[in-house]
Amino acid sequence: MEQTAGAGAECCSHDESGRKSHHSDKVKSSLISRLNRIEGQVRGIKGLIEKDTYCDDVLNQIASVQSALNGVGKLLLEHHLKSCVIERIQEGDTDVVSELMTTMNKLMK
């Protein structure tokens, strides 16, 4: 299932193990880099709790992690819309819209 919407376009595939995304190396690297930073932030929050750091400071760090995770979600959602969703709609699979709405509702909680 190749998408030909443009140079470097990402596409989704379906095999016996389920659907898979194929992100460009640049996108994958960006996502992994962001997640590595978030992982470090979470470890830092754990350390703050262990050191009995003032609650407001910890809560601010938690807000920072949530914001960073939202950024990862936005980036992934953008690429999902521009590749997988468009591709599936072009193939006549309109179930992807319901799937997307369910996912967006989960992201917006």
C-alpha atoms as a PDB file:
ATOM      1  CA  MET A   1       0.000   0.000   0.000  1.00  0.00           C
ATOM      2  CA  GLU A   2       2.282   2.778  -1.166  1.00  0.00           C
ATOM      3  CA  GLN A   3       1.088   6.328  -0.888  1.00  0.00           C
ATOM      4  CA  THR A   4       2.218   8.626  -3.656  1.00  0.00           C
ATOM      5  CA  ALA A   5       1.031  11.924  -2.182  1.00  0.00           C
ATOM      6  CA  GLY A   6       4.520  13.394  -2.236  1.00  0.00           C
ATOM      7  CA  ALA A   7       8.206  12.860  -1.835  1.00  0.00           C
ATOM      8  CA  GLY A   8       9.049  11.196   1.441  1.00  0.00           C
ATOM      9  CA  ALA A   9       5.409  10.472   2.154  1.00  0.00           C
ATOM     10  CA  GLU A  10       4.821   8.062   4.939  1.00  0.00           C
ATOM     11  CA  CYS A  11       2.418   5.219   4.521  1.00  0.00           C
ATOM     12  CA  CYS A  12       0.620   2.665   6.561  1.00  0.00           C
ATOM     13  CA  SER A  13       0.496  -1.027   5.897  1.00  0.00           C
ATOM     14  CA  HIS A  14      -1.559  -3.933   7.037  1.00  0.00           C
ATOM     15  CA  ASP A  15      -0.248  -7.436   7.542  1.00  0.00           C
ATOM     16  CA  GLU A  16      -1.162 -10.517   9.539  1.00  0.00           C
ATOM     17  CA  SER A  17       0.018  -8.880  12.774  1.00  0.00           C
ATOM     18  CA  GLY A  18      -2.123  -5.750  12.271  1.00  0.00           C
ATOM     19  CA  ARG A  19      -1.711  -2.212  10.993  1.00  0.00           C
ATOM     20  CA  LYS A  20       1.683  -0.538  11.095  1.00  0.00           C
ATOM     21  CA  SER A  21       2.933   2.964  10.468  1.00  0.00           C
ATOM     22  CA  HIS A  22       6.074   3.741   8.557  1.00  0.00           C
ATOM     23  CA  HIS A  23       7.522   7.053   9.678  1.00  0.00           C
ATOM     24  CA  SER A  24      10.401   8.751   7.944  1.00  0.00           C
ATOM     25  CA  ASP A  25      13.710   8.510   9.764  1.00  0.00           C
ATOM     26  CA  LYS A  26      13.450  12.232  10.574  1.00  0.00           C
ATOM     27  CA  VAL A  27      10.005  11.901  12.196  1.00  0.00           C
ATOM     28  CA  LYS A  28      10.935   8.737  14.054  1.00  0.00           C
ATOM     29  CA  SER A  29      14.129  10.353  15.338  1.00  0.00           C
ATOM     30  CA  SER A  30      12.202  13.420  16.508  1.00  0.00           C
ATOM     31  CA  LEU A  31       9.600  11.308  18.321  1.00  0.00           C
ATOM     32  CA  ILE A  32      12.236   9.146  19.997  1.00  0.00           C
ATOM     33  CA  SER A  33      14.292  12.175  21.019  1.00  0.00           C
ATOM     34  CA  ARG A  34      11.257  13.837  22.572  1.00  0.00           C
ATOM     35  CA  LEU A  35      10.279  10.639  24.384  1.00  0.00           C
ATOM     36  CA  ASN A  36      13.807  10.214  25.731  1.00  0.00           C
ATOM     37  CA  ARG A  37      13.674  13.744  27.184  1.00  0.00           C
ATOM     38  CA  ILE A  38      10.256  13.027  28.696  1.00  0.00           C
ATOM     39  CA  GLU A  39      11.576   9.795  30.191  1.00  0.00           C
ATOM     40  CA  GLY A  40      14.356  11.799  31.834  1.00  0.00           C
ATOM     41  CA  GLN A  41      11.847  14.334  33.128  1.00  0.00           C
ATOM     42  CA  VAL A  42       9.740  11.569  34.679  1.00  0.00           C
ATOM     43  CA  ARG A  43      12.806  10.110  36.388  1.00  0.00           C
ATOM     44  CA  GLY A  44      13.550  13.619  37.656  1.00  0.00           C
ATOM     45  CA  ILE A  45      10.043  13.899  39.105  1.00  0.00           C
ATOM     46  CA  LYS A  46      10.529  10.583  40.865  1.00  0.00           C
ATOM     47  CA  GLY A  47      13.730  11.973  42.360  1.00  0.00           C
ATOM     48  CA  LEU A  48      11.907  15.097  43.506  1.00  0.00           C
ATOM     49  CA  ILE A  49       9.322  12.964  45.290  1.00  0.00           C
ATOM     50  CA  GLU A  50      12.071  10.889  46.917  1.00  0.00           C
ATOM     51  CA  LYS A  51      13.719  14.134  48.151  1.00  0.00           C
ATOM     52  CA  ASP A  52      10.429  15.471  49.559  1.00  0.00           C
ATOM     53  CA  THR A  53      10.543  18.459  47.207  1.00  0.00           C
ATOM     54  CA  TYR A  54       7.851  21.091  47.716  1.00  0.00           C
ATOM     55  CA  CYS A  55       4.608  19.886  46.108  1.00  0.00           C
ATOM     56  CA  ASP A  56       4.104  22.962  43.909  1.00  0.00           C
ATOM     57  CA  ASP A  57       7.534  22.443  42.319  1.00  0.00           C
ATOM     58  CA  VAL A  58       6.717  18.803  41.601  1.00  0.00           C
ATOM     59  CA  LEU A  59       3.324  19.713  40.177  1.00  0.00           C
ATOM     60  CA  ASN A  60       4.985  22.225  37.841  1.00  0.00           C
ATOM     61  CA  GLN A  61       7.330  19.505  36.602  1.00  0.00           C
ATOM     62  CA  ILE A  62       4.369  17.185  36.065  1.00  0.00           C
ATOM     63  CA  ALA A  63       2.656  19.914  34.013  1.00  0.00           C
ATOM     64  CA  SER A  64       5.828  20.218  31.948  1.00  0.00           C
ATOM     65  CA  VAL A  65       5.849  16.473  31.232  1.00  0.00           C
ATOM     66  CA  GLN A  66       2.162  16.534  30.288  1.00  0.00           C
ATOM     67  CA  SER A  67       2.830  19.409  27.893  1.00  0.00           C
ATOM     68  CA  ALA A  68       5.764  17.532  26.354  1.00  0.00           C
ATOM     69  CA  LEU A  69       3.622  14.412  25.907  1.00  0.00           C
ATOM     70  CA  ASN A  70       0.935  16.538  24.262  1.00  0.00           C
ATOM     71  CA  GLY A  71       3.589  17.774  21.843  1.00  0.00           C
ATOM     72  CA  VAL A  72       4.510  14.205  20.926  1.00  0.00           C
ATOM     73  CA  GLY A  73       0.821  13.400  20.487  1.00  0.00           C
ATOM     74  CA  LYS A  74       0.284  16.415  18.223  1.00  0.00           C
ATOM     75  CA  LEU A  75       3.252  15.512  16.040  1.00  0.00           C
ATOM     76  CA  LEU A  76       2.146  11.902  15.753  1.00  0.00           C
ATOM     77  CA  LEU A  77      -1.457  12.932  15.080  1.00  0.00           C
ATOM     78  CA  GLU A  78      -0.357  15.303  12.316  1.00  0.00           C
ATOM     79  CA  HIS A  79       1.611  12.580  10.560  1.00  0.00           C
ATOM     80  CA  HIS A  80      -1.182  10.060  11.104  1.00  0.00           C
ATOM     81  CA  LEU A  81      -3.691  12.406   9.461  1.00  0.00           C
ATOM     82  CA  LYS A  82      -1.389  13.213   6.549  1.00  0.00           C
ATOM     83  CA  SER A  83      -0.589   9.592   5.847  1.00  0.00           C
ATOM     84  CA  CYS A  84      -2.658   6.756   7.294  1.00  0.00           C
ATOM     85  CA  VAL A  85      -6.004   8.547   7.518  1.00  0.00           C
ATOM     86  CA  ILE A  86      -5.841  10.061   4.032  1.00  0.00           C
ATOM     87  CA  GLU A  87      -4.646   6.773   2.580  1.00  0.00           C
ATOM     88  CA  ARG A  88      -7.454   4.771   4.156  1.00  0.00           C
ATOM     89  CA  ILE A  89     -10.105   7.276   3.077  1.00  0.00           C
ATOM     90  CA  GLN A  90      -8.743   7.199  -0.489  1.00  0.00           C
ATOM     91  CA  GLU A  91      -9.068   3.407  -0.359  1.00  0.00           C
ATOM     92  CA  GLY A  92     -12.731   3.792   0.649  1.00  0.00           C
ATOM     93  CA  ASP A  93     -12.229   2.857   4.312  1.00  0.00           C
ATOM     94  CA  THR A  94     -14.371   5.444   6.087  1.00  0.00           C
ATOM     95  CA  ASP A  95     -14.210   3.505   9.379  1.00  0.00           C
ATOM     96  CA  VAL A  96     -10.954   5.364   9.942  1.00  0.00           C
ATOM     97  CA  VAL A  97     -12.977   8.496  10.798  1.00  0.00           C
ATOM     98  CA  SER A  98     -14.690   6.784  13.743  1.00  0.00           C
ATOM     99  CA  GLU A  99     -11.368   5.325  14.839  1.00  0.00           C
ATOM    100  CA  LEU A 100      -9.792   8.789  14.672  1.00  0.00           C
ATOM    101  CA  MET A 101     -12.628  10.372  16.672  1.00  0.00           C
ATOM    102  CA  THR A 102     -12.249   7.740  19.403  1.00  0.00           C
ATOM    103  CA  THR A 103      -8.522   8.386  19.551  1.00  0.00           C
ATOM    104  CA  MET A 104      -8.964  12.167  19.639  1.00  0.00           C
ATOM    105  CA  ASN A 105     -11.467  11.851  22.477  1.00  0.00           C
ATOM    106  CA  LYS A 106      -8.881   9.877  24.444  1.00  0.00           C
ATOM    107  CA  LEU A 107      -6.196  12.476  23.715  1.00  0.00           C
ATOM    108  CA  MET A 108      -8.423  15.334  24.858  1.00  0.00           C
ATOM    109  CA  LYS A 109      -9.343  13.891  28.257  1.00  0.00           C
END
